C-alpha cells in the first residue's frame, strides 16, 4: 500500500495553515496528490446541486458569504502548497465539513484534520469533527494537535497495540508511514487482571514478523499497567520521544453515534503529537 491521494480539511481557522503545511509535506514525501477540501457548511441533503440563488436576492445575501469564505480558504491552500512542488487539487464542496470529509475519504488514502479547538466552536456547538471523521471515514484519519509546530512527523512512531481489529486496520493503514520511519516502537499495556494478558507478547511477536516482511523493523515494549490507557499512551509517547502515534479508534455507534472508548476520546482531545486512527 502507498499513499497516492491525501485529503486535507481546508478552512479559515487559525490552525489551517499548520494542517495544510503538514499535509503538503506528507504528499511530497509520498509522491501523492493532495486534495484540499473547503466546505460551505450548507448540508448537501438540502442543497444536493449546490446553492446558486439569483444575484441580489435575500438567498444570495445568505449564501454568497459562505462560498466566498470557502474560496478564500482555498486561496490559502494554493498559496501554501505552491512551495512544495506537489500535485494539488482544490475542491469547493456544498456540504457540512465533517460529512463532506467522510464522503471524500472514500477516494483517498489518508485524511488530515486538526484536533477540535473549543475556542473556535460556535456558541452552543459541540465540536467533534475529528471524532466523526475517525469513526466514519474509510481512510485513516491523521489528527494534528492544536499546538503542533513541527513541519512534519513520523520519524519516531509509537504503535499502541491491543490486539483489536481496529488497531490491526490502523497498523496496516499506516504502513507507508512505518516504512519511512527511523524507529518504530510497538507498545502494549497489560493489566494484571486481564485474562488474555499472556497473549500480548505472542501477538506482538507475530505483528513484528508481519511488519518485518514489509521492511519495517520494530522494538517491542509491554507495560504492566492497570491505568487509563489513553493517558498511559501519552506518557509513553513523551518518555520515548515519539512524534507520531498509530492506534485504533473505538466507538459504540449502536448506542450513540459519537460515544467513544476512553482511550480514543483521550487521544482525540489531548494528544500532543499527530495521531493516526482508524475505526
C-alpha atoms as a PDB file:
ATOM      1  CA  UNK A   1       0.000   0.000   0.000  1.00  0.00           C
ATOM      2  CA  UNK A   2       1.109   3.549  -0.783  1.00  0.00           C
ATOM      3  CA  UNK A   3      -0.395   6.952  -0.136  1.00  0.00           C
ATOM      4  CA  UNK A   4      -1.283   8.280  -3.574  1.00  0.00           C
ATOM      5  CA  UNK A   5      -4.194  10.527  -2.568  1.00  0.00           C
ATOM      6  CA  UNK A   6      -4.142  12.616   0.610  1.00  0.00           C
ATOM      7  CA  UNK A   7      -7.180  14.655   1.625  1.00  0.00           C
ATOM      8  CA  UNK A   8      -6.800  17.701   3.877  1.00  0.00           C
ATOM      9  CA  UNK A   9      -9.509  19.750   5.551  1.00  0.00           C
ATOM     10  CA  UNK A  10      -9.276  23.377   4.392  1.00  0.00           C
ATOM     11  CA  UNK A  11     -10.957  26.213   6.249  1.00  0.00           C
ATOM     12  CA  UNK A  12     -10.131  29.637   7.703  1.00  0.00           C
ATOM     13  CA  UNK A  13      -9.379  28.551  11.237  1.00  0.00           C
ATOM     14  CA  UNK A  14      -6.147  29.680  12.877  1.00  0.00           C
ATOM     15  CA  UNK A  15      -4.875  26.100  12.652  1.00  0.00           C
ATOM     16  CA  UNK A  16      -5.482  25.673   8.919  1.00  0.00           C
ATOM     17  CA  UNK A  17      -2.031  26.765   7.755  1.00  0.00           C
ATOM     18  CA  UNK A  18      -0.243  24.275  10.027  1.00  0.00           C
ATOM     19  CA  UNK A  19      -2.561  21.492   8.885  1.00  0.00           C
ATOM     20  CA  UNK A  20      -2.013  22.298   5.192  1.00  0.00           C
ATOM     21  CA  UNK A  21       1.776  22.503   5.612  1.00  0.00           C
ATOM     22  CA  UNK A  22       1.685  19.139   7.391  1.00  0.00           C
ATOM     23  CA  UNK A  23      -0.383  17.502   4.643  1.00  0.00           C
ATOM     24  CA  UNK A  24       1.711  19.058   1.870  1.00  0.00           C
ATOM     25  CA  UNK A  25       4.910  17.741   3.427  1.00  0.00           C
ATOM     26  CA  UNK A  26       3.385  14.255   3.562  1.00  0.00           C
ATOM     27  CA  UNK A  27       2.264  14.500  -0.054  1.00  0.00           C
ATOM     28  CA  UNK A  28       5.786  15.481  -1.120  1.00  0.00           C
ATOM     29  CA  UNK A  29       7.364  12.566   0.770  1.00  0.00           C
ATOM     30  CA  UNK A  30       4.946  10.012  -0.672  1.00  0.00           C
ATOM     31  CA  UNK A  31       4.522  11.489  -4.149  1.00  0.00           C
ATOM     32  CA  UNK A  32       0.789  11.819  -3.542  1.00  0.00           C
ATOM     33  CA  UNK A  33      -1.908  14.058  -4.944  1.00  0.00           C
ATOM     34  CA  UNK A  34      -3.068  16.480  -2.261  1.00  0.00           C
ATOM     35  CA  UNK A  35      -6.770  17.354  -2.325  1.00  0.00           C
ATOM     36  CA  UNK A  36      -7.755  20.408  -0.326  1.00  0.00           C
ATOM     37  CA  UNK A  37     -11.466  20.393   0.509  1.00  0.00           C
ATOM     38  CA  UNK A  38     -13.219  23.572   1.649  1.00  0.00           C
ATOM     39  CA  UNK A  39     -16.894  23.324   2.540  1.00  0.00           C
ATOM     40  CA  UNK A  40     -19.649  25.935   2.507  1.00  0.00           C
ATOM     41  CA  UNK A  41     -21.399  24.482   5.558  1.00  0.00           C
ATOM     42  CA  UNK A  42     -24.679  24.079   3.653  1.00  0.00           C
ATOM     43  CA  UNK A  43     -25.952  20.487   4.041  1.00  0.00           C
ATOM     44  CA  UNK A  44     -25.882  18.532   0.800  1.00  0.00           C
ATOM     45  CA  UNK A  45     -29.227  16.866   1.598  1.00  0.00           C
ATOM     46  CA  UNK A  46     -30.849  20.334   1.494  1.00  0.00           C
ATOM     47  CA  UNK A  47     -28.825  21.582  -1.497  1.00  0.00           C
ATOM     48  CA  UNK A  48     -27.858  18.446  -3.455  1.00  0.00           C
ATOM     49  CA  UNK A  49     -26.955  20.506  -6.539  1.00  0.00           C
ATOM     50  CA  UNK A  50     -25.327  23.381  -4.683  1.00  0.00           C
ATOM     51  CA  UNK A  51     -26.860  26.720  -3.760  1.00  0.00           C
ATOM     52  CA  UNK A  52     -26.883  29.090  -6.708  1.00  0.00           C
ATOM     53  CA  UNK A  53     -29.505  31.770  -5.912  1.00  0.00           C
ATOM     54  CA  UNK A  54     -30.375  34.719  -8.120  1.00  0.00           C
ATOM     55  CA  UNK A  55     -27.931  37.622  -7.542  1.00  0.00           C
ATOM     56  CA  UNK A  56     -29.101  40.488  -5.318  1.00  0.00           C
ATOM     57  CA  UNK A  57     -31.764  38.347  -3.663  1.00  0.00           C
ATOM     58  CA  UNK A  58     -32.118  37.543   0.041  1.00  0.00           C
ATOM     59  CA  UNK A  59     -30.918  33.993  -0.605  1.00  0.00           C
ATOM     60  CA  UNK A  60     -27.817  35.324  -2.354  1.00  0.00           C
ATOM     61  CA  UNK A  61     -27.014  37.571   0.602  1.00  0.00           C
ATOM     62  CA  UNK A  62     -27.086  34.485   2.853  1.00  0.00           C
ATOM     63  CA  UNK A  63     -25.206  32.020   0.651  1.00  0.00           C
ATOM     64  CA  UNK A  64     -22.603  34.136  -1.149  1.00  0.00           C
ATOM     65  CA  UNK A  65     -20.583  34.872   2.030  1.00  0.00           C
ATOM     66  CA  UNK A  66     -20.336  31.113   2.691  1.00  0.00           C
ATOM     67  CA  UNK A  67     -18.986  30.440  -0.790  1.00  0.00           C
ATOM     68  CA  UNK A  68     -16.626  33.422  -0.552  1.00  0.00           C
ATOM     69  CA  UNK A  69     -15.261  32.127   2.746  1.00  0.00           C
ATOM     70  CA  UNK A  70     -14.598  28.704   1.227  1.00  0.00           C
ATOM     71  CA  UNK A  71     -12.899  30.292  -1.798  1.00  0.00           C
ATOM     72  CA  UNK A  72     -10.607  32.352   0.435  1.00  0.00           C
ATOM     73  CA  UNK A  73      -9.661  29.172   2.317  1.00  0.00           C
ATOM     74  CA  UNK A  74      -8.764  27.516  -0.988  1.00  0.00           C
ATOM     75  CA  UNK A  75      -6.660  30.538  -1.948  1.00  0.00           C
ATOM     76  CA  UNK A  76      -4.609  29.981   1.211  1.00  0.00           C
ATOM     77  CA  UNK A  77      -4.335  26.299   0.306  1.00  0.00           C
ATOM     78  CA  UNK A  78      -2.969  27.242  -3.130  1.00  0.00           C
ATOM     79  CA  UNK A  79      -0.505  29.758  -1.682  1.00  0.00           C
ATOM     80  CA  UNK A  80       0.918  27.274   0.824  1.00  0.00           C
ATOM     81  CA  UNK A  81       1.155  24.263  -1.472  1.00  0.00           C
ATOM     82  CA  UNK A  82       2.831  26.262  -4.268  1.00  0.00           C
ATOM     83  CA  UNK A  83       6.107  25.975  -2.362  1.00  0.00           C
ATOM     84  CA  UNK A  84       6.040  22.171  -2.166  1.00  0.00           C
ATOM     85  CA  UNK A  85       6.216  21.141  -5.835  1.00  0.00           C
ATOM     86  CA  UNK A  86       3.384  18.627  -5.490  1.00  0.00           C
ATOM     87  CA  UNK A  87       0.237  17.804  -7.415  1.00  0.00           C
ATOM     88  CA  UNK A  88      -2.725  19.594  -5.807  1.00  0.00           C
ATOM     89  CA  UNK A  89      -6.442  19.768  -6.393  1.00  0.00           C
ATOM     90  CA  UNK A  90      -8.734  22.305  -4.681  1.00  0.00           C
ATOM     91  CA  UNK A  91     -12.319  21.241  -4.006  1.00  0.00           C
ATOM     92  CA  UNK A  92     -15.173  23.577  -3.093  1.00  0.00           C
ATOM     93  CA  UNK A  93     -17.944  21.414  -1.659  1.00  0.00           C
ATOM     94  CA  UNK A  94     -21.524  22.299  -0.821  1.00  0.00           C
ATOM     95  CA  UNK A  95     -21.859  20.342   2.412  1.00  0.00           C
ATOM     96  CA  UNK A  96     -21.034  20.409   6.095  1.00  0.00           C
ATOM     97  CA  UNK A  97     -17.371  19.870   6.863  1.00  0.00           C
ATOM     98  CA  UNK A  98     -17.452  16.511   8.653  1.00  0.00           C
ATOM     99  CA  UNK A  99     -19.952  14.899   6.272  1.00  0.00           C
ATOM    100  CA  UNK A 100     -18.027  16.046   3.204  1.00  0.00           C
ATOM    101  CA  UNK A 101     -14.718  14.738   4.523  1.00  0.00           C
ATOM    102  CA  UNK A 102     -16.218  11.316   5.236  1.00  0.00           C
ATOM    103  CA  UNK A 103     -17.624  11.108   1.700  1.00  0.00           C
ATOM    104  CA  UNK A 104     -14.414  12.300   0.043  1.00  0.00           C
ATOM    105  CA  UNK A 105     -12.378   9.886   2.177  1.00  0.00           C
ATOM    106  CA  UNK A 106     -13.823   7.024   0.148  1.00  0.00           C
ATOM    107  CA  UNK A 107     -11.466   8.064  -2.643  1.00  0.00           C
ATOM    108  CA  UNK A 108      -8.411   8.939  -0.532  1.00  0.00           C
ATOM    109  CA  UNK A 109      -5.693   7.005   1.264  1.00  0.00           C
ATOM    110  CA  UNK A 110      -5.348   9.392   4.203  1.00  0.00           C
ATOM    111  CA  UNK A 111      -7.340  12.283   5.708  1.00  0.00           C
ATOM    112  CA  UNK A 112      -5.584  15.088   7.590  1.00  0.00           C
ATOM    113  CA  UNK A 113      -7.576  17.077  10.155  1.00  0.00           C
ATOM    114  CA  UNK A 114      -6.835  19.071  13.309  1.00  0.00           C
ATOM    115  CA  UNK A 115      -7.975  18.498  16.870  1.00  0.00           C
ATOM    116  CA  UNK A 116     -11.110  20.419  17.737  1.00  0.00           C
ATOM    117  CA  UNK A 117     -10.486  23.876  19.151  1.00  0.00           C
ATOM    118  CA  UNK A 118     -13.241  24.798  21.663  1.00  0.00           C
ATOM    119  CA  UNK A 119     -12.298  28.459  21.265  1.00  0.00           C
ATOM    120  CA  UNK A 120     -13.338  28.352  17.605  1.00  0.00           C
ATOM    121  CA  UNK A 121     -16.610  26.474  18.097  1.00  0.00           C
ATOM    122  CA  UNK A 122     -19.851  28.338  17.531  1.00  0.00           C
ATOM    123  CA  UNK A 123     -21.946  29.148  20.637  1.00  0.00           C
ATOM    124  CA  UNK A 124     -23.743  26.005  21.774  1.00  0.00           C
ATOM    125  CA  UNK A 125     -21.904  23.824  19.259  1.00  0.00           C
ATOM    126  CA  UNK A 126     -20.119  20.653  20.323  1.00  0.00           C
ATOM    127  CA  UNK A 127     -17.108  20.460  18.032  1.00  0.00           C
ATOM    128  CA  UNK A 128     -16.450  16.852  17.068  1.00  0.00           C
ATOM    129  CA  UNK A 129     -15.114  16.895  13.530  1.00  0.00           C
ATOM    130  CA  UNK A 130     -12.029  14.697  14.105  1.00  0.00           C
ATOM    131  CA  UNK A 131     -14.072  12.218  16.147  1.00  0.00           C
ATOM    132  CA  UNK A 132     -16.690  11.963  13.423  1.00  0.00           C
ATOM    133  CA  UNK A 133     -14.088  11.520  10.685  1.00  0.00           C
ATOM    134  CA  UNK A 134     -12.086   8.955  12.661  1.00  0.00           C
ATOM    135  CA  UNK A 135     -15.206   6.872  13.372  1.00  0.00           C
ATOM    136  CA  UNK A 136     -16.859   7.060   9.959  1.00  0.00           C
ATOM    137  CA  UNK A 137     -14.210   7.564   7.266  1.00  0.00           C
ATOM    138  CA  UNK A 138     -12.980   4.547   5.322  1.00  0.00           C
ATOM    139  CA  UNK A 139      -9.495   6.071   5.143  1.00  0.00           C
ATOM    140  CA  UNK A 140      -7.339   6.579   8.235  1.00  0.00           C
ATOM    141  CA  UNK A 141      -7.552   9.969   9.917  1.00  0.00           C
ATOM    142  CA  UNK A 142      -4.321  11.710  10.855  1.00  0.00           C
ATOM    143  CA  UNK A 143      -5.143  14.208  13.603  1.00  0.00           C
ATOM    144  CA  UNK A 144      -2.719  17.116  14.047  1.00  0.00           C
ATOM    145  CA  UNK A 145      -2.586  18.591  17.585  1.00  0.00           C
ATOM    146  CA  UNK A 146      -3.648  22.187  18.101  1.00  0.00           C
ATOM    147  CA  UNK A 147      -0.205  23.294  19.244  1.00  0.00           C
ATOM    148  CA  UNK A 148       1.842  21.285  16.733  1.00  0.00           C
ATOM    149  CA  UNK A 149       4.555  23.447  15.147  1.00  0.00           C
ATOM    150  CA  UNK A 150       6.927  20.928  13.541  1.00  0.00           C
ATOM    151  CA  UNK A 151       6.932  20.821   9.713  1.00  0.00           C
ATOM    152  CA  UNK A 152       6.295  17.077   9.721  1.00  0.00           C
ATOM    153  CA  UNK A 153       6.170  13.933  11.831  1.00  0.00           C
ATOM    154  CA  UNK A 154       6.705  10.192  11.682  1.00  0.00           C
ATOM    155  CA  UNK A 155      10.441   9.842  12.347  1.00  0.00           C
ATOM    156  CA  UNK A 156       9.776   8.131  15.693  1.00  0.00           C
ATOM    157  CA  UNK A 157       6.492   6.192  15.671  1.00  0.00           C
ATOM    158  CA  UNK A 158       4.690   4.592  18.583  1.00  0.00           C
ATOM    159  CA  UNK A 159       2.197   1.857  17.670  1.00  0.00           C
ATOM    160  CA  UNK A 160      -0.281   1.328  20.512  1.00  0.00           C
ATOM    161  CA  UNK A 161      -1.231  -2.348  20.115  1.00  0.00           C
ATOM    162  CA  UNK A 162      -4.095  -4.007  21.988  1.00  0.00           C
ATOM    163  CA  UNK A 163      -4.913  -6.824  19.595  1.00  0.00           C
ATOM    164  CA  UNK A 164      -8.220  -5.365  18.369  1.00  0.00           C
ATOM    165  CA  UNK A 165      -9.422  -5.407  14.780  1.00  0.00           C
ATOM    166  CA  UNK A 166      -9.482  -1.586  14.726  1.00  0.00           C
ATOM    167  CA  UNK A 167      -5.848  -1.482  15.808  1.00  0.00           C
ATOM    168  CA  UNK A 168      -4.846  -4.049  13.175  1.00  0.00           C
ATOM    169  CA  UNK A 169      -6.565  -1.959  10.486  1.00  0.00           C
ATOM    170  CA  UNK A 170      -4.785   1.164  11.704  1.00  0.00           C
ATOM    171  CA  UNK A 171      -1.378  -0.536  11.624  1.00  0.00           C
ATOM    172  CA  UNK A 172      -1.826  -1.723   8.044  1.00  0.00           C
ATOM    173  CA  UNK A 173      -3.171   1.677   7.002  1.00  0.00           C
ATOM    174  CA  UNK A 174      -0.041   3.271   8.499  1.00  0.00           C
ATOM    175  CA  UNK A 175       2.410   1.076   6.547  1.00  0.00           C
ATOM    176  CA  UNK A 176       3.610   3.900   4.259  1.00  0.00           C
ATOM    177  CA  UNK A 177       4.480   5.954   7.350  1.00  0.00           C
ATOM    178  CA  UNK A 178       6.058   2.992   9.155  1.00  0.00           C
ATOM    179  CA  UNK A 179       8.336   2.291   6.178  1.00  0.00           C
ATOM    180  CA  UNK A 180       9.571   5.891   6.230  1.00  0.00           C
ATOM    181  CA  UNK A 181      10.195   5.999   9.999  1.00  0.00           C
ATOM    182  CA  UNK A 182      13.642   5.843  11.572  1.00  0.00           C
ATOM    183  CA  UNK A 183      12.310   3.991  14.605  1.00  0.00           C
ATOM    184  CA  UNK A 184       9.062   2.115  15.295  1.00  0.00           C
ATOM    185  CA  UNK A 185       8.134   1.054  18.810  1.00  0.00           C
ATOM    186  CA  UNK A 186       5.324  -1.491  19.247  1.00  0.00           C
ATOM    187  CA  UNK A 187       3.875  -0.958  22.719  1.00  0.00           C
ATOM    188  CA  UNK A 188       1.132  -2.728  24.660  1.00  0.00           C
ATOM    189  CA  UNK A 189      -0.398  -2.102  28.067  1.00  0.00           C
ATOM    190  CA  UNK A 190      -1.104  -5.275  30.027  1.00  0.00           C
ATOM    191  CA  UNK A 191      -3.443  -5.088  33.003  1.00  0.00           C
ATOM    192  CA  UNK A 192      -2.758  -7.712  35.697  1.00  0.00           C
ATOM    193  CA  UNK A 193      -6.460  -8.592  35.778  1.00  0.00           C
ATOM    194  CA  UNK A 194      -6.664  -9.167  32.005  1.00  0.00           C
ATOM    195  CA  UNK A 195      -7.440 -12.825  31.315  1.00  0.00           C
ATOM    196  CA  UNK A 196      -5.719 -12.546  27.930  1.00  0.00           C
ATOM    197  CA  UNK A 197      -2.614 -10.723  29.191  1.00  0.00           C
ATOM    198  CA  UNK A 198      -0.396 -13.691  28.342  1.00  0.00           C
ATOM    199  CA  UNK A 199      -1.379 -13.394  24.663  1.00  0.00           C
ATOM    200  CA  UNK A 200       0.010  -9.879  24.218  1.00  0.00           C
ATOM    201  CA  UNK A 201       3.671 -10.850  23.884  1.00  0.00           C
ATOM    202  CA  UNK A 202       2.845 -13.590  21.385  1.00  0.00           C
ATOM    203  CA  UNK A 203       0.679 -11.209  19.345  1.00  0.00           C
ATOM    204  CA  UNK A 204       3.421  -8.609  19.341  1.00  0.00           C
ATOM    205  CA  UNK A 205       5.894 -11.173  18.005  1.00  0.00           C
ATOM    206  CA  UNK A 206       3.503 -12.122  15.191  1.00  0.00           C
ATOM    207  CA  UNK A 207       2.867  -8.484  14.300  1.00  0.00           C
ATOM    208  CA  UNK A 208       6.600  -7.713  14.370  1.00  0.00           C
ATOM    209  CA  UNK A 209       7.227 -10.602  11.980  1.00  0.00           C
ATOM    210  CA  UNK A 210       4.436  -9.410   9.681  1.00  0.00           C
ATOM    211  CA  UNK A 211       5.773  -5.849   9.635  1.00  0.00           C
ATOM    212  CA  UNK A 212       9.274  -7.184   9.047  1.00  0.00           C
ATOM    213  CA  UNK A 213       8.084  -8.749   5.797  1.00  0.00           C
ATOM    214  CA  UNK A 214       7.063  -5.199   4.771  1.00  0.00           C
ATOM    215  CA  UNK A 215      10.531  -3.914   5.584  1.00  0.00           C
ATOM    216  CA  UNK A 216       9.561  -2.419   8.953  1.00  0.00           C
ATOM    217  CA  UNK A 217      11.715  -3.316  11.945  1.00  0.00           C
ATOM    218  CA  UNK A 218      10.149  -2.675  15.355  1.00  0.00           C
ATOM    219  CA  UNK A 219      11.112  -2.542  19.007  1.00  0.00           C
ATOM    220  CA  UNK A 220       8.768  -4.389  21.365  1.00  0.00           C
ATOM    221  CA  UNK A 221       7.503  -2.950  24.625  1.00  0.00           C
ATOM    222  CA  UNK A 222       4.979  -4.398  27.093  1.00  0.00           C
ATOM    223  CA  UNK A 223       3.999  -2.431  30.182  1.00  0.00           C
ATOM    224  CA  UNK A 224       2.167  -3.969  33.134  1.00  0.00           C
ATOM    225  CA  UNK A 225      -0.115  -1.069  33.974  1.00  0.00           C
ATOM    226  CA  UNK A 226      -3.677  -1.010  35.192  1.00  0.00           C
ATOM    227  CA  UNK A 227      -4.351   2.667  34.431  1.00  0.00           C
ATOM    228  CA  UNK A 228      -6.267   4.776  31.941  1.00  0.00           C
ATOM    229  CA  UNK A 229      -4.964   3.604  28.566  1.00  0.00           C
ATOM    230  CA  UNK A 230      -5.163   6.968  26.821  1.00  0.00           C
ATOM    231  CA  UNK A 231      -3.050   8.801  29.377  1.00  0.00           C
ATOM    232  CA  UNK A 232      -0.648   5.847  29.597  1.00  0.00           C
ATOM    233  CA  UNK A 233      -0.095   6.039  25.818  1.00  0.00           C
ATOM    234  CA  UNK A 234       0.547   9.785  26.056  1.00  0.00           C
ATOM    235  CA  UNK A 235       3.020   9.234  28.893  1.00  0.00           C
ATOM    236  CA  UNK A 236       4.847   6.550  26.902  1.00  0.00           C
ATOM    237  CA  UNK A 237       4.971   8.852  23.878  1.00  0.00           C
ATOM    238  CA  UNK A 238       6.638  11.551  25.958  1.00  0.00           C
ATOM    239  CA  UNK A 239       9.022   9.050  27.513  1.00  0.00           C
ATOM    240  CA  UNK A 240      10.165   7.624  24.173  1.00  0.00           C
ATOM    241  CA  UNK A 241      10.232  10.928  22.279  1.00  0.00           C
ATOM    242  CA  UNK A 242       7.900   9.717  19.558  1.00  0.00           C
ATOM    243  CA  UNK A 243       6.448  12.212  17.095  1.00  0.00           C
ATOM    244  CA  UNK A 244       3.539  10.122  15.766  1.00  0.00           C
ATOM    245  CA  UNK A 245       1.142   7.595  17.303  1.00  0.00           C
ATOM    246  CA  UNK A 246      -0.751   4.849  15.476  1.00  0.00           C
ATOM    247  CA  UNK A 247      -3.784   3.268  17.136  1.00  0.00           C
ATOM    248  CA  UNK A 248      -7.313   2.033  16.565  1.00  0.00           C
ATOM    249  CA  UNK A 249     -10.330   4.232  17.181  1.00  0.00           C
ATOM    250  CA  UNK A 250     -13.101   2.634  19.204  1.00  0.00           C
ATOM    251  CA  UNK A 251     -16.710   3.747  19.159  1.00  0.00           C
ATOM    252  CA  UNK A 252     -20.088   2.372  20.155  1.00  0.00           C
ATOM    253  CA  UNK A 253     -22.315   3.739  17.411  1.00  0.00           C
ATOM    254  CA  UNK A 254     -25.070   1.238  18.243  1.00  0.00           C
ATOM    255  CA  UNK A 255     -25.835   3.141  21.439  1.00  0.00           C
ATOM    256  CA  UNK A 256     -24.861   6.675  20.465  1.00  0.00           C
ATOM    257  CA  UNK A 257     -23.258   7.957  17.288  1.00  0.00           C
ATOM    258  CA  UNK A 258     -20.400   9.759  18.982  1.00  0.00           C
ATOM    259  CA  UNK A 259     -19.851   7.588  22.047  1.00  0.00           C
ATOM    260  CA  UNK A 260     -16.128   6.862  22.066  1.00  0.00           C
ATOM    261  CA  UNK A 261     -13.992   4.476  24.035  1.00  0.00           C
ATOM    262  CA  UNK A 262     -11.999   6.130  26.813  1.00  0.00           C
ATOM    263  CA  UNK A 263      -8.579   5.814  25.170  1.00  0.00           C
ATOM    264  CA  UNK A 264      -9.873   7.105  21.837  1.00  0.00           C
ATOM    265  CA  UNK A 265     -11.517  10.100  23.466  1.00  0.00           C
ATOM    266  CA  UNK A 266      -8.361  10.953  25.388  1.00  0.00           C
ATOM    267  CA  UNK A 267      -6.158  10.752  22.300  1.00  0.00           C
ATOM    268  CA  UNK A 268      -8.501  12.752  20.075  1.00  0.00           C
ATOM    269  CA  UNK A 269      -8.774  15.559  22.567  1.00  0.00           C
ATOM    270  CA  UNK A 270      -5.448  15.532  24.415  1.00  0.00           C
ATOM    271  CA  UNK A 271      -2.756  14.045  22.144  1.00  0.00           C
ATOM    272  CA  UNK A 272       0.338  16.224  21.898  1.00  0.00           C
ATOM    273  CA  UNK A 273       1.735  14.506  18.776  1.00  0.00           C
ATOM    274  CA  UNK A 274      -0.002  13.674  15.470  1.00  0.00           C
ATOM    275  CA  UNK A 275      -2.086  10.525  15.794  1.00  0.00           C
ATOM    276  CA  UNK A 276      -3.237   8.180  13.024  1.00  0.00           C
ATOM    277  CA  UNK A 277      -6.525   6.475  13.872  1.00  0.00           C
ATOM    278  CA  UNK A 278      -8.860   4.104  12.075  1.00  0.00           C
ATOM    279  CA  UNK A 279     -12.118   2.575  13.296  1.00  0.00           C
END
